[in-house]
Amino acid sequence: MTAEGIDAIRLALMYTLLLSAPILGAGLLVGLLVSLIQAVTQIQEQTLSFVPKIVAMLLVSIVLFSWLMAKLADFAVEMFTAF
């Protein structure tokens, strides 16, 4: 594998981490809050944690959609011009 190929893979992984971090972070925070509420109230319904996480992740995706697409476009331009 050449150095250019390794750089392209490294860049793709960095953009993947950058684009997925806010969405996954929102799911993590909401999941933590729901788990805390379940522990305090002793409600052990397994499906209760999924709906708030999905809604939060969807809302973060909608709010950050323009930023995500701008970063994705930057990645595409960088891939076509650098390599």
C-alpha atoms as a PDB file:
ATOM      1  CA  MET A   1       0.000   0.000   0.000  1.00  0.00           C
ATOM      2  CA  THR A   2       1.373   3.398  -0.935  1.00  0.00           C
ATOM      3  CA  ALA A   3       1.616   6.461   1.273  1.00  0.00           C
ATOM      4  CA  GLU A   4      -1.151   8.153  -0.723  1.00  0.00           C
ATOM      5  CA  GLY A   5      -3.514   5.258  -0.051  1.00  0.00           C
ATOM      6  CA  ILE A   6      -2.750   5.323   3.665  1.00  0.00           C
ATOM      7  CA  ASP A   7      -3.310   9.088   3.751  1.00  0.00           C
ATOM      8  CA  ALA A   8      -6.648   8.687   1.948  1.00  0.00           C
ATOM      9  CA  ILE A   9      -7.806   6.032   4.430  1.00  0.00           C
ATOM     10  CA  ARG A  10      -6.636   8.144   7.376  1.00  0.00           C
ATOM     11  CA  LEU A  11      -8.515  11.160   6.030  1.00  0.00           C
ATOM     12  CA  ALA A  12     -11.677   9.108   5.454  1.00  0.00           C
ATOM     13  CA  LEU A  13     -11.560   7.741   9.001  1.00  0.00           C
ATOM     14  CA  MET A  14     -11.014  11.206  10.469  1.00  0.00           C
ATOM     15  CA  TYR A  15     -14.018  12.592   8.593  1.00  0.00           C
ATOM     16  CA  THR A  16     -16.094   9.589   9.669  1.00  0.00           C
ATOM     17  CA  LEU A  17     -15.231  10.290  13.302  1.00  0.00           C
ATOM     18  CA  LEU A  18     -15.879  14.017  12.902  1.00  0.00           C
ATOM     19  CA  LEU A  19     -19.270  13.550  11.254  1.00  0.00           C
ATOM     20  CA  SER A  20     -20.551  10.806  13.541  1.00  0.00           C
ATOM     21  CA  ALA A  21     -19.377  12.227  16.886  1.00  0.00           C
ATOM     22  CA  PRO A  22     -22.189  14.779  17.467  1.00  0.00           C
ATOM     23  CA  ILE A  23     -24.937  12.302  16.606  1.00  0.00           C
ATOM     24  CA  LEU A  24     -23.465   9.499  18.682  1.00  0.00           C
ATOM     25  CA  GLY A  25     -22.755  11.925  21.535  1.00  0.00           C
ATOM     26  CA  ALA A  26     -26.396  12.974  21.647  1.00  0.00           C
ATOM     27  CA  GLY A  27     -27.465   9.319  21.769  1.00  0.00           C
ATOM     28  CA  LEU A  28     -24.989   8.682  24.553  1.00  0.00           C
ATOM     29  CA  LEU A  29     -26.195  11.601  26.671  1.00  0.00           C
ATOM     30  CA  VAL A  30     -29.871  10.792  26.224  1.00  0.00           C
ATOM     31  CA  GLY A  31     -29.219   7.113  26.949  1.00  0.00           C
ATOM     32  CA  LEU A  32     -27.369   8.053  30.123  1.00  0.00           C
ATOM     33  CA  LEU A  33     -30.213  10.311  31.271  1.00  0.00           C
ATOM     34  CA  VAL A  34     -32.860   7.686  30.525  1.00  0.00           C
ATOM     35  CA  SER A  35     -30.840   5.043  32.354  1.00  0.00           C
ATOM     36  CA  LEU A  36     -30.483   7.341  35.351  1.00  0.00           C
ATOM     37  CA  ILE A  37     -34.217   8.009  35.386  1.00  0.00           C
ATOM     38  CA  GLN A  38     -34.926   4.274  35.073  1.00  0.00           C
ATOM     39  CA  ALA A  39     -32.601   3.526  37.976  1.00  0.00           C
ATOM     40  CA  VAL A  40     -34.178   6.166  40.212  1.00  0.00           C
ATOM     41  CA  THR A  41     -37.776   5.221  39.428  1.00  0.00           C
ATOM     42  CA  GLN A  42     -37.034   1.473  39.156  1.00  0.00           C
ATOM     43  CA  ILE A  43     -38.791   1.248  35.798  1.00  0.00           C
ATOM     44  CA  GLN A  44     -36.982  -1.523  33.936  1.00  0.00           C
ATOM     45  CA  GLU A  45     -38.691  -1.346  30.548  1.00  0.00           C
ATOM     46  CA  GLN A  46     -36.072  -2.155  27.890  1.00  0.00           C
ATOM     47  CA  THR A  47     -37.851  -0.422  25.028  1.00  0.00           C
ATOM     48  CA  LEU A  48     -38.152   2.856  26.959  1.00  0.00           C
ATOM     49  CA  SER A  49     -34.535   3.797  26.276  1.00  0.00           C
ATOM     50  CA  PHE A  50     -34.671   3.363  22.496  1.00  0.00           C
ATOM     51  CA  VAL A  51     -37.320   5.919  21.547  1.00  0.00           C
ATOM     52  CA  PRO A  52     -35.728   8.966  23.254  1.00  0.00           C
ATOM     53  CA  LYS A  53     -32.308   8.058  21.837  1.00  0.00           C
ATOM     54  CA  ILE A  54     -33.658   7.705  18.312  1.00  0.00           C
ATOM     55  CA  VAL A  55     -35.555  10.997  18.580  1.00  0.00           C
ATOM     56  CA  ALA A  56     -32.520  12.852  19.954  1.00  0.00           C
ATOM     57  CA  MET A  57     -30.209  11.475  17.289  1.00  0.00           C
ATOM     58  CA  LEU A  58     -32.721  12.343  14.569  1.00  0.00           C
ATOM     59  CA  LEU A  59     -33.089  15.900  15.892  1.00  0.00           C
ATOM     60  CA  VAL A  60     -29.318  16.396  16.059  1.00  0.00           C
ATOM     61  CA  SER A  61     -29.030  15.062  12.505  1.00  0.00           C
ATOM     62  CA  ILE A  62     -31.664  17.506  11.278  1.00  0.00           C
ATOM     63  CA  VAL A  63     -30.143  20.470  13.113  1.00  0.00           C
ATOM     64  CA  LEU A  64     -26.608  19.710  11.909  1.00  0.00           C
ATOM     65  CA  PHE A  65     -27.580  18.613   8.391  1.00  0.00           C
ATOM     66  CA  SER A  66     -26.123  21.645   6.607  1.00  0.00           C
ATOM     67  CA  TRP A  67     -22.866  21.422   8.557  1.00  0.00           C
ATOM     68  CA  LEU A  68     -22.618  17.677   7.905  1.00  0.00           C
ATOM     69  CA  MET A  69     -23.172  18.163   4.164  1.00  0.00           C
ATOM     70  CA  ALA A  70     -20.617  20.998   4.030  1.00  0.00           C
ATOM     71  CA  LYS A  71     -18.008  18.783   5.704  1.00  0.00           C
ATOM     72  CA  LEU A  72     -18.876  15.904   3.383  1.00  0.00           C
ATOM     73  CA  ALA A  73     -18.456  18.205   0.376  1.00  0.00           C
ATOM     74  CA  ASP A  74     -15.098  19.371   1.763  1.00  0.00           C
ATOM     75  CA  PHE A  75     -14.036  15.744   2.048  1.00  0.00           C
ATOM     76  CA  ALA A  76     -15.065  15.021  -1.541  1.00  0.00           C
ATOM     77  CA  VAL A  77     -13.168  18.046  -2.855  1.00  0.00           C
ATOM     78  CA  GLU A  78     -10.129  17.109  -0.804  1.00  0.00           C
ATOM     79  CA  MET A  79     -10.180  13.531  -2.084  1.00  0.00           C
ATOM     80  CA  PHE A  80     -10.435  14.596  -5.735  1.00  0.00           C
ATOM     81  CA  THR A  81      -7.786  17.310  -5.535  1.00  0.00           C
ATOM     82  CA  ALA A  82      -5.221  15.704  -3.216  1.00  0.00           C
ATOM     83  CA  PHE A  83      -5.008  12.247  -4.717  1.00  0.00           C
END
